[in-house]
Amino acid sequence: DEGIIEIHDNDFRVTEKINQASIPETINEVILSRV
């Protein structure tokens, strides 16, 4: 969703945005951040 990972030809590719990625601590936080 945030463009940190892109899909090309059925492959996952990590973009430079990975350096600013913030991973929520719980599953609920991950879901609500998407919402």
All heavy atoms as atom14 arrays in JSON, in Angstrom:
{
  "sequence": "DEGIIEIHDNDFRVTEKINQASIPETINEVILSRV",
  "atom14_mask": [
    [1, 1, 1, 1, 1, 1, 1, 1, 0, 0, 0, 0, 0, 0],
    [1, 1, 1, 1, 1, 1, 1, 1, 1, 0, 0, 0, 0, 0],
    [1, 1, 1, 1, 0, 0, 0, 0, 0, 0, 0, 0, 0, 0],
    [1, 1, 1, 1, 1, 1, 1, 1, 0, 0, 0, 0, 0, 0],
    [1, 1, 1, 1, 1, 1, 1, 1, 0, 0, 0, 0, 0, 0],
    [1, 1, 1, 1, 1, 1, 1, 1, 1, 0, 0, 0, 0, 0],
    [1, 1, 1, 1, 1, 1, 1, 1, 0, 0, 0, 0, 0, 0],
    [1, 1, 1, 1, 1, 1, 1, 1, 1, 1, 0, 0, 0, 0],
    [1, 1, 1, 1, 1, 1, 1, 1, 0, 0, 0, 0, 0, 0],
    [1, 1, 1, 1, 1, 1, 1, 1, 0, 0, 0, 0, 0, 0],
    [1, 1, 1, 1, 1, 1, 1, 1, 0, 0, 0, 0, 0, 0],
    [1, 1, 1, 1, 1, 1, 1, 1, 1, 1, 1, 0, 0, 0],
    [1, 1, 1, 1, 1, 1, 1, 1, 1, 1, 1, 0, 0, 0],
    [1, 1, 1, 1, 1, 1, 1, 0, 0, 0, 0, 0, 0, 0],
    [1, 1, 1, 1, 1, 1, 1, 0, 0, 0, 0, 0, 0, 0],
    [1, 1, 1, 1, 1, 1, 1, 1, 1, 0, 0, 0, 0, 0],
    [1, 1, 1, 1, 1, 1, 1, 1, 1, 0, 0, 0, 0, 0],
    [1, 1, 1, 1, 1, 1, 1, 1, 0, 0, 0, 0, 0, 0],
    [1, 1, 1, 1, 1, 1, 1, 1, 0, 0, 0, 0, 0, 0],
    [1, 1, 1, 1, 1, 1, 1, 1, 1, 0, 0, 0, 0, 0],
    [1, 1, 1, 1, 1, 0, 0, 0, 0, 0, 0, 0, 0, 0],
    [1, 1, 1, 1, 1, 1, 0, 0, 0, 0, 0, 0, 0, 0],
    [1, 1, 1, 1, 1, 1, 1, 1, 0, 0, 0, 0, 0, 0],
    [1, 1, 1, 1, 1, 1, 1, 0, 0, 0, 0, 0, 0, 0],
    [1, 1, 1, 1, 1, 1, 1, 1, 1, 0, 0, 0, 0, 0],
    [1, 1, 1, 1, 1, 1, 1, 0, 0, 0, 0, 0, 0, 0],
    [1, 1, 1, 1, 1, 1, 1, 1, 0, 0, 0, 0, 0, 0],
    [1, 1, 1, 1, 1, 1, 1, 1, 0, 0, 0, 0, 0, 0],
    [1, 1, 1, 1, 1, 1, 1, 1, 1, 0, 0, 0, 0, 0],
    [1, 1, 1, 1, 1, 1, 1, 0, 0, 0, 0, 0, 0, 0],
    [1, 1, 1, 1, 1, 1, 1, 1, 0, 0, 0, 0, 0, 0],
    [1, 1, 1, 1, 1, 1, 1, 1, 0, 0, 0, 0, 0, 0],
    [1, 1, 1, 1, 1, 1, 0, 0, 0, 0, 0, 0, 0, 0],
    [1, 1, 1, 1, 1, 1, 1, 1, 1, 1, 1, 0, 0, 0],
    [1, 1, 1, 1, 1, 1, 1, 0, 0, 0, 0, 0, 0, 0]
  ],
  "atom14_positions": [
    [[0.83, -1.21, 0.0], [0.0, 0.0, 0.0], [0.86, 1.26, 0.0], [0.54, 2.26, -0.67], [-0.91, 0.04, 1.25], [-2.0, -1.03, 1.2], [-2.22, -1.6, 0.11], [-2.63, -1.28, 2.25], [0.0, 0.0, 0.0], [0.0, 0.0, 0.0], [0.0, 0.0, 0.0], [0.0, 0.0, 0.0], [0.0, 0.0, 0.0], [0.0, 0.0, 0.0]],
    [[1.96, 1.22, 0.76], [2.8, 2.41, 0.94], [3.9, 2.53, -0.11], [4.68, 3.49, -0.08], [3.42, 2.39, 2.35], [2.37, 2.48, 3.47], [2.99, 2.3, 4.84], [4.16, 2.68, 5.01], [2.3, 1.77, 5.73], [0.0, 0.0, 0.0], [0.0, 0.0, 0.0], [0.0, 0.0, 0.0], [0.0, 0.0, 0.0], [0.0, 0.0, 0.0]],
    [[3.99, 1.55, -1.01], [5.02, 1.6, -2.05], [6.38, 1.15, -1.57], [7.39, 1.34, -2.27], [0.0, 0.0, 0.0], [0.0, 0.0, 0.0], [0.0, 0.0, 0.0], [0.0, 0.0, 0.0], [0.0, 0.0, 0.0], [0.0, 0.0, 0.0], [0.0, 0.0, 0.0], [0.0, 0.0, 0.0], [0.0, 0.0, 0.0], [0.0, 0.0, 0.0]],
    [[6.47, 0.58, -0.38], [7.75, 0.07, 0.13], [8.13, -1.2, -0.62], [9.3, -1.49, -0.84], [7.64, -0.21, 1.65], [7.4, 1.11, 2.4], [8.88, -0.91, 2.19], [7.01, 0.94, 3.85], [0.0, 0.0, 0.0], [0.0, 0.0, 0.0], [0.0, 0.0, 0.0], [0.0, 0.0, 0.0], [0.0, 0.0, 0.0], [0.0, 0.0, 0.0]],
    [[7.1, -1.96, -1.01], [7.29, -3.15, -1.84], [6.49, -2.98, -3.12], [5.34, -2.55, -3.09], [6.83, -4.43, -1.09], [7.79, -4.75, 0.07], [6.75, -5.62, -2.04], [7.37, -5.94, 0.9], [0.0, 0.0, 0.0], [0.0, 0.0, 0.0], [0.0, 0.0, 0.0], [0.0, 0.0, 0.0], [0.0, 0.0, 0.0], [0.0, 0.0, 0.0]],
    [[7.09, -3.3, -4.23], [6.4, -3.27, -5.53], [6.41, -4.67, -6.13], [7.29, -5.48, -5.83], [7.1, -2.29, -6.48], [6.98, -0.83, -6.03], [7.72, 0.11, -6.96], [8.52, -0.38, -7.81], [7.53, 1.34, -6.84], [0.0, 0.0, 0.0], [0.0, 0.0, 0.0], [0.0, 0.0, 0.0], [0.0, 0.0, 0.0], [0.0, 0.0, 0.0]],
    [[5.4, -4.95, -6.97], [5.31, -6.26, -7.61], [5.61, -6.1, -9.1], [4.96, -5.33, -9.8], [3.91, -6.88, -7.42], [3.58, -6.98, -5.92], [3.82, -8.25, -8.07], [2.16, -7.39, -5.61], [0.0, 0.0, 0.0], [0.0, 0.0, 0.0], [0.0, 0.0, 0.0], [0.0, 0.0, 0.0], [0.0, 0.0, 0.0], [0.0, 0.0, 0.0]],
    [[6.63, -6.83, -9.58], [6.99, -6.83, -11.0], [7.11, -8.27, -11.46], [7.9, -9.04, -10.91], [8.33, -6.1, -11.22], [8.26, -4.64, -10.92], [7.69, -3.72, -11.77], [8.68, -3.94, -9.83], [7.78, -2.51, -11.24], [8.37, -2.62, -10.06], [0.0, 0.0, 0.0], [0.0, 0.0, 0.0], [0.0, 0.0, 0.0], [0.0, 0.0, 0.0]],
    [[6.32, -8.62, -12.49], [6.38, -9.99, -13.05], [6.28, -11.06, -11.94], [7.1, -11.99, -11.88], [7.68, -10.19, -13.85], [7.77, -9.21, -15.01], [6.71, -8.88, -15.59], [8.89, -8.76, -15.31], [0.0, 0.0, 0.0], [0.0, 0.0, 0.0], [0.0, 0.0, 0.0], [0.0, 0.0, 0.0], [0.0, 0.0, 0.0], [0.0, 0.0, 0.0]],
    [[5.3, -10.86, -11.08], [5.04, -11.81, -9.97], [6.17, -11.91, -8.96], [6.25, -12.86, -8.2], [4.71, -13.2, -10.51], [3.41, -13.21, -11.3], [2.46, -12.53, -10.9], [3.37, -13.96, -12.38], [0.0, 0.0, 0.0], [0.0, 0.0, 0.0], [0.0, 0.0, 0.0], [0.0, 0.0, 0.0], [0.0, 0.0, 0.0], [0.0, 0.0, 0.0]],
    [[7.07, -10.93, -8.95], [8.15, -10.89, -7.95], [7.96, -9.67, -7.04], [7.53, -8.6, -7.48], [9.52, -10.77, -8.63], [9.95, -12.09, -9.25], [9.49, -13.14, -8.76], [10.73, -12.06, -10.22], [0.0, 0.0, 0.0], [0.0, 0.0, 0.0], [0.0, 0.0, 0.0], [0.0, 0.0, 0.0], [0.0, 0.0, 0.0], [0.0, 0.0, 0.0]],
    [[8.29, -9.85, -5.77], [8.31, -8.71, -4.83], [9.66, -8.0, -4.94], [10.71, -8.65, -4.91], [8.12, -9.2, -3.39], [6.73, -9.69, -3.09], [6.53, -10.97, -2.59], [5.63, -8.87, -3.28], [5.25, -11.42, -2.29], [4.34, -9.31, -2.99], [4.16, -10.6, -2.5], [0.0, 0.0, 0.0], [0.0, 0.0, 0.0], [0.0, 0.0, 0.0]],
    [[9.61, -6.68, -5.03], [10.86, -5.89, -5.05], [10.79, -4.8, -3.99], [9.81, -4.05, -3.93], [11.09, -5.25, -6.42], [11.35, -6.29, -7.51], [11.64, -5.63, -8.84], [11.77, -6.61, -9.91], [11.95, -6.29, -11.19], [12.01, -5.01, -11.56], [12.07, -7.24, -12.1], [0.0, 0.0, 0.0], [0.0, 0.0, 0.0], [0.0, 0.0, 0.0]],
    [[11.82, -4.72, -3.18], [11.87, -3.7, -2.13], [12.37, -2.39, -2.73], [13.35, -2.37, -3.47], [12.82, -4.15, -0.99], [12.91, -3.08, 0.09], [12.33, -5.46, -0.39], [0.0, 0.0, 0.0], [0.0, 0.0, 0.0], [0.0, 0.0, 0.0], [0.0, 0.0, 0.0], [0.0, 0.0, 0.0], [0.0, 0.0, 0.0], [0.0, 0.0, 0.0]],
    [[11.68, -1.29, -2.4], [12.1, 0.03, -2.9], [12.92, 0.76, -1.83], [13.04, 0.28, -0.69], [10.87, 0.89, -3.27], [10.18, 1.25, -2.07], [9.93, 0.13, -4.19], [0.0, 0.0, 0.0], [0.0, 0.0, 0.0], [0.0, 0.0, 0.0], [0.0, 0.0, 0.0], [0.0, 0.0, 0.0], [0.0, 0.0, 0.0], [0.0, 0.0, 0.0]],
    [[13.44, 1.91, -2.18], [14.27, 2.68, -1.23], [13.46, 3.19, -0.03], [14.03, 3.56, 1.0], [14.92, 3.87, -1.95], [13.9, 4.82, -2.56], [14.56, 5.91, -3.4], [15.71, 5.74, -3.82], [13.88, 6.92, -3.62], [0.0, 0.0, 0.0], [0.0, 0.0, 0.0], [0.0, 0.0, 0.0], [0.0, 0.0, 0.0], [0.0, 0.0, 0.0]],
    [[12.13, 3.15, -0.15], [11.27, 3.6, 0.98], [11.41, 2.69, 2.2], [10.94, 3.03, 3.29], [9.81, 3.65, 0.55], [9.5, 4.76, -0.45], [8.0, 4.79, -0.78], [7.69, 5.88, -1.79], [6.24, 5.92, -2.12], [0.0, 0.0, 0.0], [0.0, 0.0, 0.0], [0.0, 0.0, 0.0], [0.0, 0.0, 0.0], [0.0, 0.0, 0.0]],
    [[12.04, 1.53, 2.02], [12.22, 0.59, 3.14], [12.99, 1.24, 4.28], [12.81, 0.89, 5.45], [12.94, -0.71, 2.66], [12.89, -1.81, 3.75], [14.39, -0.42, 2.29], [11.54, -2.35, 4.02], [0.0, 0.0, 0.0], [0.0, 0.0, 0.0], [0.0, 0.0, 0.0], [0.0, 0.0, 0.0], [0.0, 0.0, 0.0], [0.0, 0.0, 0.0]],
    [[13.84, 2.24, 3.94], [14.67, 2.89, 4.97], [13.83, 3.73, 5.93], [14.25, 3.98, 7.06], [15.73, 3.78, 4.3], [16.68, 2.95, 3.44], [17.13, 1.89, 3.86], [16.94, 3.41, 2.22], [0.0, 0.0, 0.0], [0.0, 0.0, 0.0], [0.0, 0.0, 0.0], [0.0, 0.0, 0.0], [0.0, 0.0, 0.0], [0.0, 0.0, 0.0]],
    [[12.65, 4.17, 5.47], [11.77, 4.97, 6.33], [10.58, 4.14, 6.86], [9.66, 4.67, 7.47], [11.21, 6.18, 5.58], [12.23, 7.28, 5.3], [13.09, 6.96, 4.08], [12.56, 6.52, 3.07], [14.39, 7.2, 4.19], [0.0, 0.0, 0.0], [0.0, 0.0, 0.0], [0.0, 0.0, 0.0], [0.0, 0.0, 0.0], [0.0, 0.0, 0.0]],
    [[10.62, 2.81, 6.63], [9.47, 1.97, 7.02], [9.33, 1.9, 8.53], [10.32, 1.81, 9.26], [9.64, 0.56, 6.45], [0.0, 0.0, 0.0], [0.0, 0.0, 0.0], [0.0, 0.0, 0.0], [0.0, 0.0, 0.0], [0.0, 0.0, 0.0], [0.0, 0.0, 0.0], [0.0, 0.0, 0.0], [0.0, 0.0, 0.0], [0.0, 0.0, 0.0]],
    [[8.09, 1.96, 8.96], [7.77, 1.82, 10.39], [6.77, 0.67, 10.53], [5.66, 0.74, 10.02], [7.17, 3.11, 10.93], [6.76, 2.95, 12.27], [0.0, 0.0, 0.0], [0.0, 0.0, 0.0], [0.0, 0.0, 0.0], [0.0, 0.0, 0.0], [0.0, 0.0, 0.0], [0.0, 0.0, 0.0], [0.0, 0.0, 0.0], [0.0, 0.0, 0.0]],
    [[7.19, -0.36, 11.22], [6.33, -1.54, 11.35], [5.56, -1.45, 12.67], [6.16, -1.38, 13.74], [7.15, -2.85, 11.33], [7.96, -2.93, 10.03], [6.24, -4.06, 11.48], [8.88, -4.12, 9.97], [0.0, 0.0, 0.0], [0.0, 0.0, 0.0], [0.0, 0.0, 0.0], [0.0, 0.0, 0.0], [0.0, 0.0, 0.0], [0.0, 0.0, 0.0]],
    [[4.23, -1.42, 12.6], [3.43, -1.38, 13.84], [3.72, -2.6, 14.71], [4.12, -3.66, 14.22], [1.98, -1.4, 13.31], [2.07, -0.87, 11.92], [3.39, -1.36, 11.4], [0.0, 0.0, 0.0], [0.0, 0.0, 0.0], [0.0, 0.0, 0.0], [0.0, 0.0, 0.0], [0.0, 0.0, 0.0], [0.0, 0.0, 0.0], [0.0, 0.0, 0.0]],
    [[3.49, -2.45, 16.01], [3.87, -3.49, 16.97], [2.85, -4.63, 17.04], [3.19, -5.72, 17.47], [4.05, -2.88, 18.36], [5.25, -1.94, 18.43], [5.45, -1.4, 19.83], [4.73, -1.84, 20.75], [6.34, -0.55, 20.01], [0.0, 0.0, 0.0], [0.0, 0.0, 0.0], [0.0, 0.0, 0.0], [0.0, 0.0, 0.0], [0.0, 0.0, 0.0]],
    [[1.59, -4.38, 16.67], [0.57, -5.43, 16.77], [-0.15, -5.59, 15.44], [-0.14, -4.7, 14.59], [-0.49, -5.1, 17.84], [-1.24, -3.96, 17.41], [0.16, -4.8, 19.19], [0.0, 0.0, 0.0], [0.0, 0.0, 0.0], [0.0, 0.0, 0.0], [0.0, 0.0, 0.0], [0.0, 0.0, 0.0], [0.0, 0.0, 0.0], [0.0, 0.0, 0.0]],
    [[-0.79, -6.76, 15.27], [-1.57, -7.03, 14.06], [-2.7, -6.0, 13.91], [-2.94, -5.49, 12.81], [-2.16, -8.46, 14.11], [-1.06, -9.5, 14.05], [-3.15, -8.67, 12.97], [-0.29, -9.55, 12.75], [0.0, 0.0, 0.0], [0.0, 0.0, 0.0], [0.0, 0.0, 0.0], [0.0, 0.0, 0.0], [0.0, 0.0, 0.0], [0.0, 0.0, 0.0]],
    [[-3.37, -5.68, 15.02], [-4.46, -4.7, 14.95], [-3.97, -3.35, 14.42], [-4.66, -2.7, 13.63], [-5.09, -4.51, 16.34], [-6.12, -5.58, 16.65], [-6.16, -6.61, 15.97], [-6.93, -5.36, 17.65], [0.0, 0.0, 0.0], [0.0, 0.0, 0.0], [0.0, 0.0, 0.0], [0.0, 0.0, 0.0], [0.0, 0.0, 0.0], [0.0, 0.0, 0.0]],
    [[-2.8, -2.94, 14.89], [-2.24, -1.66, 14.43], [-1.92, -1.71, 12.93], [-2.11, -0.72, 12.23], [-0.99, -1.31, 15.23], [-1.3, -0.87, 16.66], [-0.04, -0.63, 17.47], [1.05, -0.58, 16.87], [-0.16, -0.49, 18.69], [0.0, 0.0, 0.0], [0.0, 0.0, 0.0], [0.0, 0.0, 0.0], [0.0, 0.0, 0.0], [0.0, 0.0, 0.0]],
    [[-1.44, -2.85, 12.47], [-1.15, -3.01, 11.04], [-2.44, -2.85, 10.23], [-2.5, -2.12, 9.24], [-0.53, -4.39, 10.73], [-0.33, -4.58, 9.23], [0.8, -4.55, 11.45], [0.0, 0.0, 0.0], [0.0, 0.0, 0.0], [0.0, 0.0, 0.0], [0.0, 0.0, 0.0], [0.0, 0.0, 0.0], [0.0, 0.0, 0.0], [0.0, 0.0, 0.0]],
    [[-3.49, -3.56, 10.69], [-4.77, -3.51, 9.98], [-5.33, -2.1, 9.98], [-5.73, -1.57, 8.93], [-5.78, -4.49, 10.63], [-5.32, -5.93, 10.42], [-7.18, -4.3, 10.05], [-6.03, -6.95, 11.29], [0.0, 0.0, 0.0], [0.0, 0.0, 0.0], [0.0, 0.0, 0.0], [0.0, 0.0, 0.0], [0.0, 0.0, 0.0], [0.0, 0.0, 0.0]],
    [[-5.35, -1.45, 11.15], [-5.94, -0.11, 11.26], [-5.13, 0.93, 10.49], [-5.7, 1.9, 9.98], [-6.07, 0.28, 12.73], [-7.1, -0.53, 13.52], [-7.11, -0.11, 14.99], [-8.49, -0.37, 12.93], [0.0, 0.0, 0.0], [0.0, 0.0, 0.0], [0.0, 0.0, 0.0], [0.0, 0.0, 0.0], [0.0, 0.0, 0.0], [0.0, 0.0, 0.0]],
    [[-3.81, 0.71, 10.39], [-3.0, 1.65, 9.6], [-3.37, 1.56, 8.12], [-3.38, 2.56, 7.42], [-1.51, 1.37, 9.8], [-1.13, 0.16, 9.17], [0.0, 0.0, 0.0], [0.0, 0.0, 0.0], [0.0, 0.0, 0.0], [0.0, 0.0, 0.0], [0.0, 0.0, 0.0], [0.0, 0.0, 0.0], [0.0, 0.0, 0.0], [0.0, 0.0, 0.0]],
    [[-3.72, 0.35, 7.68], [-4.18, 0.18, 6.28], [-5.54, 0.85, 6.08], [-5.78, 1.49, 5.07], [-4.28, -1.31, 5.92], [-2.96, -2.05, 5.93], [-3.11, -3.41, 5.26], [-3.34, -3.26, 3.83], [-3.92, -4.17, 3.06], [-4.38, -5.28, 3.58], [-4.06, -3.96, 1.77], [0.0, 0.0, 0.0], [0.0, 0.0, 0.0], [0.0, 0.0, 0.0]],
    [[-6.41, 0.66, 7.06], [-7.76, 1.25, 6.97], [-7.67, 2.78, 6.96], [-8.38, 3.45, 6.2], [-8.64, 0.76, 8.14], [-9.98, 1.5, 8.17], [-8.88, -0.74, 8.03], [0.0, 0.0, 0.0], [0.0, 0.0, 0.0], [0.0, 0.0, 0.0], [0.0, 0.0, 0.0], [0.0, 0.0, 0.0], [0.0, 0.0, 0.0], [0.0, 0.0, 0.0]]
  ]
}
